Amino acid sequence: AVTLALTAASTWAEPLSEAKIREITGGVD
């Protein structure tokens, strides 16, 4: 799940929303 969260975001091109940033950074441990 962590790997998916950290790699799936790389396909997003729209501006980074607060929700998206939380989703991405929340997986860093």
Full PDB file with SEQRES, HELIX, SHEET, SSBOND, CRYST1, ORIGX, SCALE, CONECT and MASTER records, all heavy atoms in Angstrom:
SEQRES   1 A   29  ALA VAL THR LEU ALA LEU THR ALA ALA SER THR TRP ALA          
SEQRES   2 A   29  GLU PRO LEU SER GLU ALA LYS ILE ARG GLU ILE THR GLY          
SEQRES   3 A   29  GLY VAL ASP                                                  
HELIX    1 AA1 VAL A    2  ALA A    8  1                                   7    
HELIX    2 AA2 ALA A    9  THR A   11  5                                   3    
HELIX    3 AA3 GLU A   18  THR A   25  1                                   8    
CRYST1    1.000    1.000    1.000  90.00  90.00  90.00 P 1           1          
ORIGX1      1.000000  0.000000  0.000000        0.00000                         
ORIGX2      0.000000  1.000000  0.000000        0.00000                         
ORIGX3      0.000000  0.000000  1.000000        0.00000                         
SCALE1      1.000000  0.000000  0.000000        0.00000                         
SCALE2      0.000000  1.000000  0.000000        0.00000                         
SCALE3      0.000000  0.000000  1.000000        0.00000                         
ATOM      1  N   ALA A   1       0.823  -1.212   0.000  1.00  0.00           N  
ATOM      2  CA  ALA A   1       0.000   0.000   0.000  1.00  0.00           C  
ATOM      3  C   ALA A   1       0.853   1.257   0.000  1.00  0.00           C  
ATOM      4  O   ALA A   1       0.561   2.230  -0.689  1.00  0.00           O  
ATOM      5  CB  ALA A   1      -0.928  -0.012   1.215  1.00  0.00           C  
ATOM      6  N   VAL A   2       1.934   1.214   0.802  1.00  0.00           N  
ATOM      7  CA  VAL A   2       2.848   2.358   0.837  1.00  0.00           C  
ATOM      8  C   VAL A   2       3.484   2.569  -0.524  1.00  0.00           C  
ATOM      9  O   VAL A   2       3.550   3.682  -1.055  1.00  0.00           O  
ATOM     10  CB  VAL A   2       3.937   2.132   1.916  1.00  0.00           C  
ATOM     11  CG1 VAL A   2       5.051   3.153   1.748  1.00  0.00           C  
ATOM     12  CG2 VAL A   2       3.334   2.234   3.301  1.00  0.00           C  
ATOM     13  N   THR A   3       3.947   1.470  -1.136  1.00  0.00           N  
ATOM     14  CA  THR A   3       4.584   1.564  -2.446  1.00  0.00           C  
ATOM     15  C   THR A   3       3.615   2.125  -3.469  1.00  0.00           C  
ATOM     16  O   THR A   3       3.955   2.983  -4.287  1.00  0.00           O  
ATOM     17  CB  THR A   3       5.089   0.179  -2.887  1.00  0.00           C  
ATOM     18  OG1 THR A   3       5.994  -0.315  -1.914  1.00  0.00           O  
ATOM     19  CG2 THR A   3       5.797   0.271  -4.237  1.00  0.00           C  
ATOM     20  N   LEU A   4       2.352   1.647  -3.412  1.00  0.00           N  
ATOM     21  CA  LEU A   4       1.339   2.132  -4.342  1.00  0.00           C  
ATOM     22  C   LEU A   4       1.097   3.622  -4.157  1.00  0.00           C  
ATOM     23  O   LEU A   4       1.026   4.391  -5.118  1.00  0.00           O  
ATOM     24  CB  LEU A   4       0.042   1.352  -4.148  1.00  0.00           C  
ATOM     25  CG  LEU A   4      -1.132   1.741  -5.079  1.00  0.00           C  
ATOM     26  CD1 LEU A   4      -0.747   1.459  -6.529  1.00  0.00           C  
ATOM     27  CD2 LEU A   4      -2.375   0.959  -4.689  1.00  0.00           C  
ATOM     28  N   ALA A   5       1.011   4.043  -2.885  1.00  0.00           N  
ATOM     29  CA  ALA A   5       0.752   5.466  -2.607  1.00  0.00           C  
ATOM     30  C   ALA A   5       1.880   6.344  -3.100  1.00  0.00           C  
ATOM     31  O   ALA A   5       1.667   7.445  -3.590  1.00  0.00           O  
ATOM     32  CB  ALA A   5       0.539   5.665  -1.109  1.00  0.00           C  
ATOM     33  N   LEU A   6       3.122   5.831  -2.976  1.00  0.00           N  
ATOM     34  CA  LEU A   6       4.275   6.644  -3.350  1.00  0.00           C  
ATOM     35  C   LEU A   6       4.532   6.652  -4.848  1.00  0.00           C  
ATOM     36  O   LEU A   6       5.228   7.516  -5.349  1.00  0.00           O  
ATOM     37  CB  LEU A   6       5.527   6.148  -2.621  1.00  0.00           C  
ATOM     38  CG  LEU A   6       5.523   6.315  -1.102  1.00  0.00           C  
ATOM     39  CD1 LEU A   6       6.825   5.777  -0.515  1.00  0.00           C  
ATOM     40  CD2 LEU A   6       5.328   7.757  -0.707  1.00  0.00           C  
ATOM     41  N   THR A   7       4.010   5.666  -5.571  1.00  0.00           N  
ATOM     42  CA  THR A   7       4.255   5.604  -7.002  1.00  0.00           C  
ATOM     43  C   THR A   7       3.067   6.078  -7.821  1.00  0.00           C  
ATOM     44  O   THR A   7       3.226   6.695  -8.864  1.00  0.00           O  
ATOM     45  CB  THR A   7       4.625   4.170  -7.424  1.00  0.00           C  
ATOM     46  OG1 THR A   7       3.583   3.280  -7.004  1.00  0.00           O  
ATOM     47  CG2 THR A   7       5.934   3.742  -6.784  1.00  0.00           C  
ATOM     48  N   ALA A   8       1.874   5.828  -7.309  1.00  0.00           N  
ATOM     49  CA  ALA A   8       0.689   6.236  -8.059  1.00  0.00           C  
ATOM     50  C   ALA A   8       0.638   7.742  -8.234  1.00  0.00           C  
ATOM     51  O   ALA A   8       0.200   8.249  -9.261  1.00  0.00           O  
ATOM     52  CB  ALA A   8      -0.570   5.747  -7.352  1.00  0.00           C  
ATOM     53  N   ALA A   9       1.129   8.458  -7.218  1.00  0.00           N  
ATOM     54  CA  ALA A   9       1.070   9.919  -7.282  1.00  0.00           C  
ATOM     55  C   ALA A   9       1.887  10.472  -8.430  1.00  0.00           C  
ATOM     56  O   ALA A   9       1.652  11.577  -8.895  1.00  0.00           O  
ATOM     57  CB  ALA A   9       1.546  10.523  -5.960  1.00  0.00           C  
ATOM     58  N   SER A  10       2.903   9.706  -8.894  1.00  0.00           N  
ATOM     59  CA  SER A  10       3.763  10.215  -9.956  1.00  0.00           C  
ATOM     60  C   SER A  10       3.019  10.376 -11.277  1.00  0.00           C  
ATOM     61  O   SER A  10       3.522  10.998 -12.196  1.00  0.00           O  
ATOM     62  CB  SER A  10       4.964   9.275 -10.142  1.00  0.00           C  
ATOM     63  OG  SER A  10       4.526   8.009 -10.581  1.00  0.00           O  
ATOM     64  N   THR A  11       1.821   9.813 -11.389  1.00  0.00           N  
ATOM     65  CA  THR A  11       1.043   9.973 -12.608  1.00  0.00           C  
ATOM     66  C   THR A  11       0.113  11.179 -12.538  1.00  0.00           C  
ATOM     67  O   THR A  11      -0.555  11.503 -13.501  1.00  0.00           O  
ATOM     68  CB  THR A  11       0.203   8.701 -12.869  1.00  0.00           C  
ATOM     69  OG1 THR A  11      -0.741   8.539 -11.813  1.00  0.00           O  
ATOM     70  CG2 THR A  11       1.101   7.470 -12.934  1.00  0.00           C  
ATOM     71  N   TRP A  12       0.049  11.829 -11.392  1.00  0.00           N  
ATOM     72  CA  TRP A  12      -0.839  12.974 -11.221  1.00  0.00           C  
ATOM     73  C   TRP A  12      -0.138  14.232 -11.721  1.00  0.00           C  
ATOM     74  O   TRP A  12       0.955  14.565 -11.296  1.00  0.00           O  
ATOM     75  CB  TRP A  12      -1.200  13.149  -9.745  1.00  0.00           C  
ATOM     76  CG  TRP A  12      -2.150  12.102  -9.240  1.00  0.00           C  
ATOM     77  CD1 TRP A  12      -1.965  10.754  -9.242  1.00  0.00           C  
ATOM     78  CD2 TRP A  12      -3.429  12.328  -8.650  1.00  0.00           C  
ATOM     79  NE1 TRP A  12      -3.037  10.123  -8.705  1.00  0.00           N  
ATOM     80  CE2 TRP A  12      -3.972  11.068  -8.313  1.00  0.00           C  
ATOM     81  CE3 TRP A  12      -4.176  13.469  -8.363  1.00  0.00           C  
ATOM     82  CZ2 TRP A  12      -5.198  10.902  -7.721  1.00  0.00           C  
ATOM     83  CZ3 TRP A  12      -5.405  13.313  -7.764  1.00  0.00           C  
ATOM     84  CH2 TRP A  12      -5.916  12.040  -7.457  1.00  0.00           C  
ATOM     85  N   ALA A  13      -0.769  14.944 -12.602  1.00  0.00           N  
ATOM     86  CA  ALA A  13      -0.153  16.145 -13.155  1.00  0.00           C  
ATOM     87  C   ALA A  13      -0.810  17.422 -12.662  1.00  0.00           C  
ATOM     88  O   ALA A  13      -0.276  18.494 -12.838  1.00  0.00           O  
ATOM     89  CB  ALA A  13      -0.204  16.093 -14.684  1.00  0.00           C  
ATOM     90  N   GLU A  14      -2.018  17.313 -12.060  1.00  0.00           N  
ATOM     91  CA  GLU A  14      -2.705  18.524 -11.625  1.00  0.00           C  
ATOM     92  C   GLU A  14      -2.021  19.108 -10.387  1.00  0.00           C  
ATOM     93  O   GLU A  14      -1.222  18.444  -9.745  1.00  0.00           O  
ATOM     94  CB  GLU A  14      -4.180  18.233 -11.316  1.00  0.00           C  
ATOM     95  CG  GLU A  14      -4.408  17.364 -10.098  1.00  0.00           C  
ATOM     96  CD  GLU A  14      -4.532  15.896 -10.433  1.00  0.00           C  
ATOM     97  OE1 GLU A  14      -4.053  15.487 -11.506  1.00  0.00           O  
ATOM     98  OE2 GLU A  14      -5.104  15.164  -9.612  1.00  0.00           O  
ATOM     99  N   PRO A  15      -2.330  20.358 -10.053  1.00  0.00           N  
ATOM    100  CA  PRO A  15      -1.727  20.979  -8.869  1.00  0.00           C  
ATOM    101  C   PRO A  15      -1.952  20.125  -7.623  1.00  0.00           C  
ATOM    102  O   PRO A  15      -2.991  19.492  -7.457  1.00  0.00           O  
ATOM    103  CB  PRO A  15      -2.458  22.318  -8.765  1.00  0.00           C  
ATOM    104  CG  PRO A  15      -2.874  22.614 -10.166  1.00  0.00           C  
ATOM    105  CD  PRO A  15      -3.206  21.284 -10.782  1.00  0.00           C  
ATOM    106  N   LEU A  16      -0.956  20.147  -6.758  1.00  0.00           N  
ATOM    107  CA  LEU A  16      -1.010  19.303  -5.562  1.00  0.00           C  
ATOM    108  C   LEU A  16      -1.974  19.910  -4.542  1.00  0.00           C  
ATOM    109  O   LEU A  16      -1.744  21.008  -4.043  1.00  0.00           O  
ATOM    110  CB  LEU A  16       0.387  19.170  -4.964  1.00  0.00           C  
ATOM    111  CG  LEU A  16       1.366  18.321  -5.774  1.00  0.00           C  
ATOM    112  CD1 LEU A  16       2.805  18.620  -5.372  1.00  0.00           C  
ATOM    113  CD2 LEU A  16       1.070  16.839  -5.590  1.00  0.00           C  
ATOM    114  N   SER A  17      -3.035  19.191  -4.234  1.00  0.00           N  
ATOM    115  CA  SER A  17      -3.970  19.634  -3.210  1.00  0.00           C  
ATOM    116  C   SER A  17      -3.458  19.225  -1.839  1.00  0.00           C  
ATOM    117  O   SER A  17      -2.582  18.355  -1.718  1.00  0.00           O  
ATOM    118  CB  SER A  17      -5.345  19.007  -3.445  1.00  0.00           C  
ATOM    119  OG  SER A  17      -5.282  17.599  -3.265  1.00  0.00           O  
ATOM    120  N   GLU A  18      -4.013  19.839  -0.800  1.00  0.00           N  
ATOM    121  CA  GLU A  18      -3.619  19.446   0.554  1.00  0.00           C  
ATOM    122  C   GLU A  18      -3.923  17.978   0.792  1.00  0.00           C  
ATOM    123  O   GLU A  18      -3.129  17.259   1.415  1.00  0.00           O  
ATOM    124  CB  GLU A  18      -4.354  20.318   1.577  1.00  0.00           C  
ATOM    125  CG  GLU A  18      -3.886  21.759   1.597  1.00  0.00           C  
ATOM    126  CD  GLU A  18      -4.583  22.582   2.661  1.00  0.00           C  
ATOM    127  OE1 GLU A  18      -5.254  21.974   3.540  1.00  0.00           O  
ATOM    128  OE2 GLU A  18      -4.464  23.817   2.635  1.00  0.00           O  
ATOM    129  N   ALA A  19      -5.028  17.512   0.296  1.00  0.00           N  
ATOM    130  CA  ALA A  19      -5.384  16.110   0.488  1.00  0.00           C  
ATOM    131  C   ALA A  19      -4.389  15.191  -0.190  1.00  0.00           C  
ATOM    132  O   ALA A  19      -3.996  14.153   0.371  1.00  0.00           O  
ATOM    133  CB  ALA A  19      -6.794  15.861  -0.053  1.00  0.00           C  
ATOM    134  N   LYS A  20      -3.955  15.578  -1.397  1.00  0.00           N  
ATOM    135  CA  LYS A  20      -3.005  14.726  -2.119  1.00  0.00           C  
ATOM    136  C   LYS A  20      -1.648  14.723  -1.413  1.00  0.00           C  
ATOM    137  O   LYS A  20      -0.984  13.687  -1.320  1.00  0.00           O  
ATOM    138  CB  LYS A  20      -2.861  15.216  -3.562  1.00  0.00           C  
ATOM    139  CG  LYS A  20      -2.218  14.184  -4.476  1.00  0.00           C  
ATOM    140  CD  LYS A  20      -3.104  12.960  -4.548  1.00  0.00           C  
ATOM    141  CE  LYS A  20      -2.382  11.797  -5.217  1.00  0.00           C  
ATOM    142  NZ  LYS A  20      -3.208  10.567  -5.168  1.00  0.00           N  
ATOM    143  N   ILE A  21      -1.220  15.892  -0.931  1.00  0.00           N  
ATOM    144  CA  ILE A  21       0.056  15.960  -0.221  1.00  0.00           C  
ATOM    145  C   ILE A  21       0.000  15.086   1.034  1.00  0.00           C  
ATOM    146  O   ILE A  21       0.949  14.359   1.344  1.00  0.00           O  
ATOM    147  CB  ILE A  21       0.402  17.420   0.138  1.00  0.00           C  
ATOM    148  CG1 ILE A  21       0.648  18.224  -1.138  1.00  0.00           C  
ATOM    149  CG2 ILE A  21       1.633  17.473   1.043  1.00  0.00           C  
ATOM    150  CD1 ILE A  21       0.826  19.709  -0.907  1.00  0.00           C  
ATOM    151  N   ARG A  22      -1.119  15.137   1.750  1.00  0.00           N  
ATOM    152  CA  ARG A  22      -1.247  14.303   2.956  1.00  0.00           C  
ATOM    153  C   ARG A  22      -1.215  12.819   2.599  1.00  0.00           C  
ATOM    154  O   ARG A  22      -0.629  12.011   3.313  1.00  0.00           O  
ATOM    155  CB  ARG A  22      -2.535  14.648   3.695  1.00  0.00           C  
ATOM    156  CG  ARG A  22      -2.491  15.984   4.407  1.00  0.00           C  
ATOM    157  CD  ARG A  22      -3.595  16.133   5.448  1.00  0.00           C  
ATOM    158  NE  ARG A  22      -3.438  17.412   6.137  1.00  0.00           N  
ATOM    159  CZ  ARG A  22      -4.064  18.525   5.782  1.00  0.00           C  
ATOM    160  NH1 ARG A  22      -4.897  18.513   4.757  1.00  0.00           N  
ATOM    161  NH2 ARG A  22      -3.865  19.651   6.439  1.00  0.00           N  
ATOM    162  N   GLU A  23      -1.855  12.478   1.484  1.00  0.00           N  
ATOM    163  CA  GLU A  23      -1.852  11.079   1.055  1.00  0.00           C  
ATOM    164  C   GLU A  23      -0.435  10.606   0.746  1.00  0.00           C  
ATOM    165  O   GLU A  23      -0.025   9.520   1.153  1.00  0.00           O  
ATOM    166  CB  GLU A  23      -2.740  10.920  -0.178  1.00  0.00           C  
ATOM    167  CG  GLU A  23      -2.753   9.501  -0.738  1.00  0.00           C  
ATOM    168  CD  GLU A  23      -3.512   9.416  -2.055  1.00  0.00           C  
ATOM    169  OE1 GLU A  23      -4.320  10.325  -2.347  1.00  0.00           O  
ATOM    170  OE2 GLU A  23      -3.290   8.444  -2.789  1.00  0.00           O  
ATOM    171  N   ILE A  24       0.310  11.441   0.037  1.00  0.00           N  
ATOM    172  CA  ILE A  24       1.667  11.059  -0.363  1.00  0.00           C  
ATOM    173  C   ILE A  24       2.603  11.013   0.840  1.00  0.00           C  
ATOM    174  O   ILE A  24       3.295  10.023   1.082  1.00  0.00           O  
ATOM    175  CB  ILE A  24       2.209  12.046  -1.416  1.00  0.00           C  
ATOM    176  CG1 ILE A  24       1.416  11.911  -2.720  1.00  0.00           C  
ATOM    177  CG2 ILE A  24       3.698  11.798  -1.671  1.00  0.00           C  
ATOM    178  CD1 ILE A  24       1.713  13.002  -3.737  1.00  0.00           C  
ATOM    179  N   THR A  25       2.637  12.099   1.610  1.00  0.00           N  
ATOM    180  CA  THR A  25       3.599  12.174   2.715  1.00  0.00           C  
ATOM    181  C   THR A  25       3.197  11.287   3.885  1.00  0.00           C  
ATOM    182  O   THR A  25       4.047  10.880   4.679  1.00  0.00           O  
ATOM    183  CB  THR A  25       3.747  13.622   3.202  1.00  0.00           C  
ATOM    184  OG1 THR A  25       2.480  14.109   3.662  1.00  0.00           O  
ATOM    185  CG2 THR A  25       4.262  14.508   2.084  1.00  0.00           C  
ATOM    186  N   GLY A  26       1.921  10.979   3.992  1.00  0.00           N  
ATOM    187  CA  GLY A  26       1.473  10.107   5.074  1.00  0.00           C  
ATOM    188  C   GLY A  26       2.036   8.708   4.990  1.00  0.00           C  
ATOM    189  O   GLY A  26       2.062   7.974   5.983  1.00  0.00           O  
ATOM    190  N   GLY A  27       2.495   8.306   3.803  1.00  0.00           N  
ATOM    191  CA  GLY A  27       3.069   6.976   3.647  1.00  0.00           C  
ATOM    192  C   GLY A  27       4.550   6.884   3.928  1.00  0.00           C  
ATOM    193  O   GLY A  27       5.139   5.800   3.799  1.00  0.00           O  
ATOM    194  N   VAL A  28       5.179   8.007   4.307  1.00  0.00           N  
ATOM    195  CA  VAL A  28       6.620   7.998   4.562  1.00  0.00           C  
ATOM    196  C   VAL A  28       6.880   7.608   6.009  1.00  0.00           C  
ATOM    197  O   VAL A  28       6.512   8.321   6.944  1.00  0.00           O  
ATOM    198  CB  VAL A  28       7.252   9.369   4.262  1.00  0.00           C  
ATOM    199  CG1 VAL A  28       8.742   9.351   4.596  1.00  0.00           C  
ATOM    200  CG2 VAL A  28       7.037   9.745   2.805  1.00  0.00           C  
ATOM    201  N   ASP A  29       7.480   6.446   6.204  1.00  0.00           N  
ATOM    202  CA  ASP A  29       7.836   5.964   7.530  1.00  0.00           C  
ATOM    203  C   ASP A  29       9.061   5.069   7.397  1.00  0.00           C  
ATOM    204  O   ASP A  29       9.714   5.048   6.335  1.00  0.00           O  
ATOM    205  CB  ASP A  29       6.661   5.240   8.195  1.00  0.00           C  
ATOM    206  CG  ASP A  29       6.182   4.023   7.397  1.00  0.00           C  
ATOM    207  OD1 ASP A  29       6.826   3.653   6.389  1.00  0.00           O  
ATOM    208  OD2 ASP A  29       5.156   3.431   7.778  1.00  0.00           O  
TER     209      ASP A  29                                                      
MASTER        0    0    0    3    0    0    0    6  208    1    0    3          
END                                                                             
